[in-house]
N, C-alpha and C. Protein backbone atom coordinates (compact mmCIF):
# COMPACT_ATOMS: atom_id res chain seq x y z
N UNK A 1 22.68 19.24 5.17
CA UNK A 1 22.22 19.24 6.54
C UNK A 1 20.97 18.37 6.64
N UNK A 2 20.97 17.46 7.57
CA UNK A 2 19.84 16.56 7.75
C UNK A 2 19.03 16.96 8.99
N UNK A 3 17.73 16.71 8.88
CA UNK A 3 16.85 16.98 10.01
C UNK A 3 16.59 15.68 10.74
N UNK A 4 16.76 15.70 12.03
CA UNK A 4 16.48 14.53 12.85
C UNK A 4 15.13 14.68 13.53
N UNK A 5 14.84 13.73 14.40
CA UNK A 5 13.55 13.73 15.11
C UNK A 5 13.41 14.96 16.02
N UNK A 6 14.45 15.34 16.78
CA UNK A 6 14.28 16.52 17.65
C UNK A 6 13.94 17.80 16.87
N UNK A 7 14.59 17.98 15.73
CA UNK A 7 14.33 19.17 14.94
C UNK A 7 12.91 19.17 14.39
N UNK A 8 12.45 18.01 13.92
CA UNK A 8 11.08 17.91 13.39
C UNK A 8 10.04 18.14 14.49
N UNK A 9 10.31 17.66 15.70
CA UNK A 9 9.40 17.91 16.82
C UNK A 9 9.33 19.39 17.18
N UNK A 10 10.47 20.06 17.13
CA UNK A 10 10.49 21.50 17.41
C UNK A 10 9.66 22.26 16.38
N UNK A 11 9.83 21.92 15.11
CA UNK A 11 9.05 22.56 14.05
C UNK A 11 7.57 22.28 14.24
N UNK A 12 7.21 21.04 14.58
CA UNK A 12 5.82 20.68 14.81
C UNK A 12 5.21 21.48 15.95
N UNK A 13 5.94 21.65 17.04
CA UNK A 13 5.45 22.43 18.18
C UNK A 13 5.25 23.88 17.78
N UNK A 14 6.17 24.43 17.02
CA UNK A 14 6.04 25.83 16.59
C UNK A 14 4.81 26.01 15.70
N UNK A 15 4.59 25.06 14.78
CA UNK A 15 3.42 25.15 13.89
C UNK A 15 2.13 25.04 14.69
N UNK A 16 2.08 24.15 15.66
CA UNK A 16 0.87 24.00 16.48
C UNK A 16 0.63 25.28 17.30
N UNK A 17 1.67 25.89 17.81
CA UNK A 17 1.52 27.13 18.58
C UNK A 17 1.01 28.25 17.68
N UNK A 18 1.53 28.33 16.45
CA UNK A 18 1.12 29.40 15.54
C UNK A 18 -0.31 29.22 15.05
N UNK A 19 -0.67 28.02 14.65
CA UNK A 19 -1.99 27.79 14.04
C UNK A 19 -3.04 27.27 15.01
N UNK A 20 -2.65 26.68 16.10
CA UNK A 20 -3.59 26.07 17.03
C UNK A 20 -3.88 24.64 16.61
N UNK A 21 -4.21 23.79 17.57
CA UNK A 21 -4.41 22.38 17.26
C UNK A 21 -5.61 22.12 16.34
N UNK A 22 -6.68 22.88 16.46
CA UNK A 22 -7.86 22.66 15.61
C UNK A 22 -7.59 22.98 14.15
N UNK A 23 -6.99 24.12 13.92
CA UNK A 23 -6.69 24.54 12.55
C UNK A 23 -5.60 23.65 11.94
N UNK A 24 -4.63 23.23 12.77
CA UNK A 24 -3.56 22.35 12.30
C UNK A 24 -4.14 21.02 11.82
N UNK A 25 -5.09 20.46 12.56
CA UNK A 25 -5.75 19.22 12.15
C UNK A 25 -6.52 19.39 10.86
N UNK A 26 -7.17 20.52 10.72
CA UNK A 26 -7.93 20.80 9.49
C UNK A 26 -6.99 20.91 8.29
N UNK A 27 -5.86 21.56 8.48
CA UNK A 27 -4.89 21.69 7.39
C UNK A 27 -4.36 20.33 6.99
N UNK A 28 -4.04 19.48 7.96
CA UNK A 28 -3.55 18.14 7.65
C UNK A 28 -4.61 17.31 6.93
N UNK A 29 -5.87 17.45 7.33
CA UNK A 29 -6.96 16.74 6.67
C UNK A 29 -7.11 17.16 5.21
N UNK A 30 -7.02 18.46 4.96
CA UNK A 30 -7.11 18.96 3.59
C UNK A 30 -5.92 18.51 2.77
N UNK A 31 -4.75 18.49 3.37
CA UNK A 31 -3.55 18.02 2.68
C UNK A 31 -3.69 16.55 2.31
N UNK A 32 -4.20 15.74 3.24
CA UNK A 32 -4.40 14.32 2.97
C UNK A 32 -5.41 14.08 1.86
N UNK A 33 -6.52 14.81 1.87
CA UNK A 33 -7.53 14.62 0.82
C UNK A 33 -7.00 15.11 -0.53
N UNK A 34 -6.18 16.14 -0.52
CA UNK A 34 -5.56 16.62 -1.76
C UNK A 34 -4.60 15.59 -2.34
N UNK A 35 -3.80 14.97 -1.48
CA UNK A 35 -2.87 13.94 -1.95
C UNK A 35 -3.62 12.72 -2.47
N UNK A 36 -4.71 12.35 -1.81
CA UNK A 36 -5.51 11.21 -2.26
C UNK A 36 -6.11 11.50 -3.63
N UNK A 37 -6.63 12.70 -3.80
CA UNK A 37 -7.19 13.10 -5.10
C UNK A 37 -6.12 13.10 -6.18
N UNK A 38 -4.93 13.57 -5.85
CA UNK A 38 -3.82 13.59 -6.80
C UNK A 38 -3.46 12.18 -7.23
N UNK A 39 -3.36 11.26 -6.27
CA UNK A 39 -3.01 9.88 -6.59
C UNK A 39 -4.10 9.21 -7.41
N UNK A 40 -5.37 9.51 -7.12
CA UNK A 40 -6.47 8.96 -7.90
C UNK A 40 -6.43 9.45 -9.34
N UNK A 41 -6.10 10.71 -9.53
CA UNK A 41 -6.03 11.27 -10.88
C UNK A 41 -4.84 10.72 -11.66
N UNK A 42 -3.76 10.40 -10.98
CA UNK A 42 -2.61 9.79 -11.67
C UNK A 42 -2.99 8.41 -12.19
N UNK A 43 -3.75 7.66 -11.42
CA UNK A 43 -4.16 6.32 -11.82
C UNK A 43 -5.28 6.32 -12.83
N UNK A 44 -5.98 7.45 -13.00
CA UNK A 44 -7.12 7.49 -13.91
C UNK A 44 -6.68 7.40 -15.36
N UNK A 45 -5.45 7.77 -15.68
CA UNK A 45 -4.95 7.67 -17.05
C UNK A 45 -4.95 6.21 -17.51
N UNK A 46 -4.59 5.32 -16.63
CA UNK A 46 -4.56 3.90 -16.98
C UNK A 46 -5.96 3.34 -17.10
N UNK A 47 -6.89 3.87 -16.32
CA UNK A 47 -8.27 3.39 -16.36
C UNK A 47 -8.97 3.84 -17.63
N UNK A 48 -8.58 5.01 -18.17
CA UNK A 48 -9.23 5.56 -19.35
C UNK A 48 -8.88 4.80 -20.63
N UNK A 49 -7.74 4.11 -20.62
CA UNK A 49 -7.34 3.37 -21.81
C UNK A 49 -8.25 2.17 -22.00
N UNK A 50 -8.71 1.99 -23.24
CA UNK A 50 -9.56 0.85 -23.53
C UNK A 50 -8.69 -0.37 -23.80
N UNK A 51 -9.06 -1.52 -23.26
CA UNK A 51 -8.26 -2.71 -23.52
C UNK A 51 -8.41 -3.13 -24.97
N UNK A 52 -7.33 -3.62 -25.55
CA UNK A 52 -7.35 -4.03 -26.93
C UNK A 52 -7.99 -5.42 -27.04
N UNK A 53 -8.89 -5.60 -27.99
CA UNK A 53 -9.49 -6.92 -28.15
C UNK A 53 -8.46 -7.91 -28.68
N UNK A 54 -8.58 -9.17 -28.29
CA UNK A 54 -7.60 -10.17 -28.77
C UNK A 54 -7.74 -10.36 -30.28
N UNK A 55 -6.64 -10.58 -30.92
CA UNK A 55 -6.65 -10.79 -32.36
C UNK A 55 -6.49 -12.29 -32.67
N UNK A 56 -6.79 -12.65 -33.89
CA UNK A 56 -6.68 -14.05 -34.31
C UNK A 56 -5.22 -14.45 -34.58
N UNK A 57 -4.32 -13.48 -34.60
CA UNK A 57 -2.92 -13.77 -34.88
C UNK A 57 -2.27 -14.58 -33.78
N UNK A 58 -2.82 -14.53 -32.57
CA UNK A 58 -2.22 -15.24 -31.44
C UNK A 58 -2.39 -16.75 -31.56
N UNK A 59 -3.29 -17.22 -32.39
CA UNK A 59 -3.55 -18.67 -32.51
C UNK A 59 -2.52 -19.37 -33.33
């Protein structure tokens, strides 16, 4: 079963009615900052690796 735009809008309206627009915005902001932090931590593994110095074998 696939969800289309009308179904997603209905769910969005129900969530806004339950939580209120202020709290809903706060939840979305926290979700966005959490995802950004998660993506930053995934990329930090590559940053932690030290680059290998070039060797004389390449000449």
